[in-house]
Amino acid sequence: MKYLQIFFVALVAFEHLYFMILEMFFWDKPIGLKTFGLKLEDAKKTKTLAKNQGLYNGFLAAGLIWAIISDNNFKEIALFFLICVTIAGMYGAYTTQKIKLFFVQSIPALIGITLILLYK
């Protein structure tokens, strides 16, 4: 079961690395525009904010990777960062009115939380 826990923590970590790359480097490029449903003019205006948001997503990914490589504190570190991701996904879905955010961001994190809590 430990491998399944690690799989979901890694999945969420890589998801956030992907978000970081999109937000920091491709926000106003075709892939970023398509992914986030933006118009080029709006993306250019919000590029600095997106880079900042991308940095925070990078921190979430780093924390989850830290949990995976941690010898003794996997559960505690993973739970903290997965809870942060879950809340971020819920808040993002609420504020943008895009329920897809909840499913893409929060659901994998909630699965990871559930697996960690059920199978210690």
C-alpha atoms as a PDB file:
ATOM      1  CA  MET A   1       0.000   0.000   0.000  1.00  0.00           C
ATOM      2  CA  LYS A   2       2.974   2.268   0.604  1.00  0.00           C
ATOM      3  CA  TYR A   3       3.690   2.270  -3.136  1.00  0.00           C
ATOM      4  CA  LEU A   4       0.157   3.425  -3.912  1.00  0.00           C
ATOM      5  CA  GLN A   5       0.515   6.225  -1.359  1.00  0.00           C
ATOM      6  CA  ILE A   6       3.803   7.285  -2.920  1.00  0.00           C
ATOM      7  CA  PHE A   7       2.242   7.078  -6.391  1.00  0.00           C
ATOM      8  CA  PHE A   8      -0.493   9.577  -5.501  1.00  0.00           C
ATOM      9  CA  VAL A   9       1.903  11.909  -3.696  1.00  0.00           C
ATOM     10  CA  ALA A  10       4.196  11.800  -6.744  1.00  0.00           C
ATOM     11  CA  LEU A  11       1.249  12.341  -9.099  1.00  0.00           C
ATOM     12  CA  VAL A  12       0.223  15.494  -7.227  1.00  0.00           C
ATOM     13  CA  ALA A  13       3.855  16.654  -7.068  1.00  0.00           C
ATOM     14  CA  PHE A  14       4.336  16.259 -10.820  1.00  0.00           C
ATOM     15  CA  GLU A  15       1.009  17.925 -11.460  1.00  0.00           C
ATOM     16  CA  HIS A  16       2.234  20.961  -9.535  1.00  0.00           C
ATOM     17  CA  LEU A  17       5.584  20.960 -11.289  1.00  0.00           C
ATOM     18  CA  TYR A  18       3.617  21.059 -14.538  1.00  0.00           C
ATOM     19  CA  PHE A  19       1.480  23.946 -13.245  1.00  0.00           C
ATOM     20  CA  MET A  20       4.657  25.758 -12.187  1.00  0.00           C
ATOM     21  CA  ILE A  21       6.217  25.396 -15.626  1.00  0.00           C
ATOM     22  CA  LEU A  22       3.039  26.511 -17.393  1.00  0.00           C
ATOM     23  CA  GLU A  23       2.521  29.515 -15.129  1.00  0.00           C
ATOM     24  CA  MET A  24       6.128  30.669 -14.977  1.00  0.00           C
ATOM     25  CA  PHE A  25       7.255  30.048 -18.541  1.00  0.00           C
ATOM     26  CA  PHE A  26       4.270  29.426 -20.832  1.00  0.00           C
ATOM     27  CA  TRP A  27       1.490  31.633 -19.441  1.00  0.00           C
ATOM     28  CA  ASP A  28       1.281  33.759 -22.588  1.00  0.00           C
ATOM     29  CA  LYS A  29       2.255  31.003 -25.029  1.00  0.00           C
ATOM     30  CA  PRO A  30      -0.267  28.862 -26.967  1.00  0.00           C
ATOM     31  CA  ILE A  31      -0.180  25.955 -24.492  1.00  0.00           C
ATOM     32  CA  GLY A  32      -0.679  28.290 -21.526  1.00  0.00           C
ATOM     33  CA  LEU A  33      -3.450  30.215 -23.236  1.00  0.00           C
ATOM     34  CA  LYS A  34      -5.257  26.983 -24.104  1.00  0.00           C
ATOM     35  CA  THR A  35      -4.738  25.356 -20.710  1.00  0.00           C
ATOM     36  CA  PHE A  36      -6.000  28.329 -18.736  1.00  0.00           C
ATOM     37  CA  GLY A  37      -8.544  29.560 -21.291  1.00  0.00           C
ATOM     38  CA  LEU A  38      -6.940  32.983 -21.614  1.00  0.00           C
ATOM     39  CA  LYS A  39      -6.809  35.632 -24.278  1.00  0.00           C
ATOM     40  CA  LEU A  40      -3.314  36.831 -25.142  1.00  0.00           C
ATOM     41  CA  GLU A  41      -4.034  40.394 -23.974  1.00  0.00           C
ATOM     42  CA  ASP A  42      -5.204  39.152 -20.571  1.00  0.00           C
ATOM     43  CA  ALA A  43      -2.265  36.773 -20.249  1.00  0.00           C
ATOM     44  CA  LYS A  44       0.205  39.576 -20.902  1.00  0.00           C
ATOM     45  CA  LYS A  45      -1.450  41.724 -18.227  1.00  0.00           C
ATOM     46  CA  THR A  46      -1.337  38.941 -15.640  1.00  0.00           C
ATOM     47  CA  LYS A  47       2.016  37.379 -16.514  1.00  0.00           C
ATOM     48  CA  THR A  48       3.768  38.629 -13.369  1.00  0.00           C
ATOM     49  CA  LEU A  49       0.992  37.297 -11.142  1.00  0.00           C
ATOM     50  CA  ALA A  50       1.134  33.949 -12.928  1.00  0.00           C
ATOM     51  CA  LYS A  51       4.883  33.673 -12.351  1.00  0.00           C
ATOM     52  CA  ASN A  52       4.316  34.263  -8.645  1.00  0.00           C
ATOM     53  CA  GLN A  53       1.543  31.663  -8.566  1.00  0.00           C
ATOM     54  CA  GLY A  54       3.805  29.254 -10.415  1.00  0.00           C
ATOM     55  CA  LEU A  55       6.467  29.690  -7.768  1.00  0.00           C
ATOM     56  CA  TYR A  56       3.971  28.692  -5.070  1.00  0.00           C
ATOM     57  CA  ASN A  57       2.999  25.621  -7.070  1.00  0.00           C
ATOM     58  CA  GLY A  58       6.698  24.787  -7.219  1.00  0.00           C
ATOM     59  CA  PHE A  59       6.869  24.991  -3.422  1.00  0.00           C
ATOM     60  CA  LEU A  60       3.947  22.568  -3.141  1.00  0.00           C
ATOM     61  CA  ALA A  61       5.709  20.164  -5.500  1.00  0.00           C
ATOM     62  CA  ALA A  62       8.958  20.503  -3.549  1.00  0.00           C
ATOM     63  CA  GLY A  63       7.180  19.699  -0.295  1.00  0.00           C
ATOM     64  CA  LEU A  64       5.576  16.600  -1.760  1.00  0.00           C
ATOM     65  CA  ILE A  65       8.893  15.429  -3.203  1.00  0.00           C
ATOM     66  CA  TRP A  66      10.458  16.056   0.217  1.00  0.00           C
ATOM     67  CA  ALA A  67       7.807  13.768   1.730  1.00  0.00           C
ATOM     68  CA  ILE A  68       8.675  11.006  -0.735  1.00  0.00           C
ATOM     69  CA  ILE A  69      12.421  11.145  -0.066  1.00  0.00           C
ATOM     70  CA  SER A  70      12.051  11.651   3.686  1.00  0.00           C
ATOM     71  CA  ASP A  71      13.174   8.637   5.673  1.00  0.00           C
ATOM     72  CA  ASN A  72      11.043   9.053   8.763  1.00  0.00           C
ATOM     73  CA  ASN A  73       8.333  11.644   8.214  1.00  0.00           C
ATOM     74  CA  PHE A  74       6.577  10.683   4.985  1.00  0.00           C
ATOM     75  CA  LYS A  75       3.095  10.640   6.493  1.00  0.00           C
ATOM     76  CA  GLU A  76       3.311  13.982   8.300  1.00  0.00           C
ATOM     77  CA  ILE A  77       4.970  15.905   5.474  1.00  0.00           C
ATOM     78  CA  ALA A  78       2.767  14.391   2.769  1.00  0.00           C
ATOM     79  CA  LEU A  79      -0.433  15.074   4.716  1.00  0.00           C
ATOM     80  CA  PHE A  80       0.495  18.712   5.293  1.00  0.00           C
ATOM     81  CA  PHE A  81       1.217  19.412   1.633  1.00  0.00           C
ATOM     82  CA  LEU A  82      -1.699  17.333   0.328  1.00  0.00           C
ATOM     83  CA  ILE A  83      -4.046  19.280   2.604  1.00  0.00           C
ATOM     84  CA  CYS A  84      -2.570  22.540   1.259  1.00  0.00           C
ATOM     85  CA  VAL A  85      -3.162  21.322  -2.302  1.00  0.00           C
ATOM     86  CA  THR A  86      -6.720  20.262  -1.482  1.00  0.00           C
ATOM     87  CA  ILE A  87      -7.553  23.662  -0.011  1.00  0.00           C
ATOM     88  CA  ALA A  88      -5.915  25.461  -2.942  1.00  0.00           C
ATOM     89  CA  GLY A  89      -7.969  23.413  -5.398  1.00  0.00           C
ATOM     90  CA  MET A  90     -11.186  24.060  -3.508  1.00  0.00           C
ATOM     91  CA  TYR A  91     -10.508  27.782  -3.259  1.00  0.00           C
ATOM     92  CA  GLY A  92      -9.452  27.983  -6.902  1.00  0.00           C
ATOM     93  CA  ALA A  93     -12.599  26.205  -8.054  1.00  0.00           C
ATOM     94  CA  TYR A  94     -14.757  28.451  -5.879  1.00  0.00           C
ATOM     95  CA  THR A  95     -13.167  31.753  -6.903  1.00  0.00           C
ATOM     96  CA  THR A  96     -12.967  30.979 -10.618  1.00  0.00           C
ATOM     97  CA  GLN A  97     -16.266  29.082 -10.768  1.00  0.00           C
ATOM     98  CA  LYS A  98     -14.410  26.318 -12.659  1.00  0.00           C
ATOM     99  CA  ILE A  99     -15.270  23.009 -10.997  1.00  0.00           C
ATOM    100  CA  LYS A 100     -12.638  21.296 -13.164  1.00  0.00           C
ATOM    101  CA  LEU A 101      -9.994  22.822 -10.881  1.00  0.00           C
ATOM    102  CA  PHE A 102     -11.414  20.848  -7.983  1.00  0.00           C
ATOM    103  CA  PHE A 103     -11.296  17.583  -9.905  1.00  0.00           C
ATOM    104  CA  VAL A 104      -7.819  18.134 -11.342  1.00  0.00           C
ATOM    105  CA  GLN A 105      -6.163  19.472  -8.194  1.00  0.00           C
ATOM    106  CA  SER A 106      -8.122  18.432  -5.114  1.00  0.00           C
ATOM    107  CA  ILE A 107      -9.351  14.937  -5.980  1.00  0.00           C
ATOM    108  CA  PRO A 108      -5.877  13.361  -6.482  1.00  0.00           C
ATOM    109  CA  ALA A 109      -4.733  15.023  -3.253  1.00  0.00           C
ATOM    110  CA  LEU A 110      -7.806  13.747  -1.397  1.00  0.00           C
ATOM    111  CA  ILE A 111      -7.134  10.231  -2.675  1.00  0.00           C
ATOM    112  CA  GLY A 112      -3.565  10.524  -1.389  1.00  0.00           C
ATOM    113  CA  ILE A 113      -4.786  11.772   2.001  1.00  0.00           C
ATOM    114  CA  THR A 114      -7.287   8.917   2.240  1.00  0.00           C
ATOM    115  CA  LEU A 115      -4.680   6.286   1.383  1.00  0.00           C
ATOM    116  CA  ILE A 116      -2.229   7.672   3.941  1.00  0.00           C
ATOM    117  CA  LEU A 117      -4.830   7.831   6.711  1.00  0.00           C
ATOM    118  CA  LEU A 118      -6.347   4.408   6.008  1.00  0.00           C
ATOM    119  CA  TYR A 119      -3.111   2.481   5.529  1.00  0.00           C
ATOM    120  CA  LYS A 120      -0.498   3.625   7.998  1.00  0.00           C
END
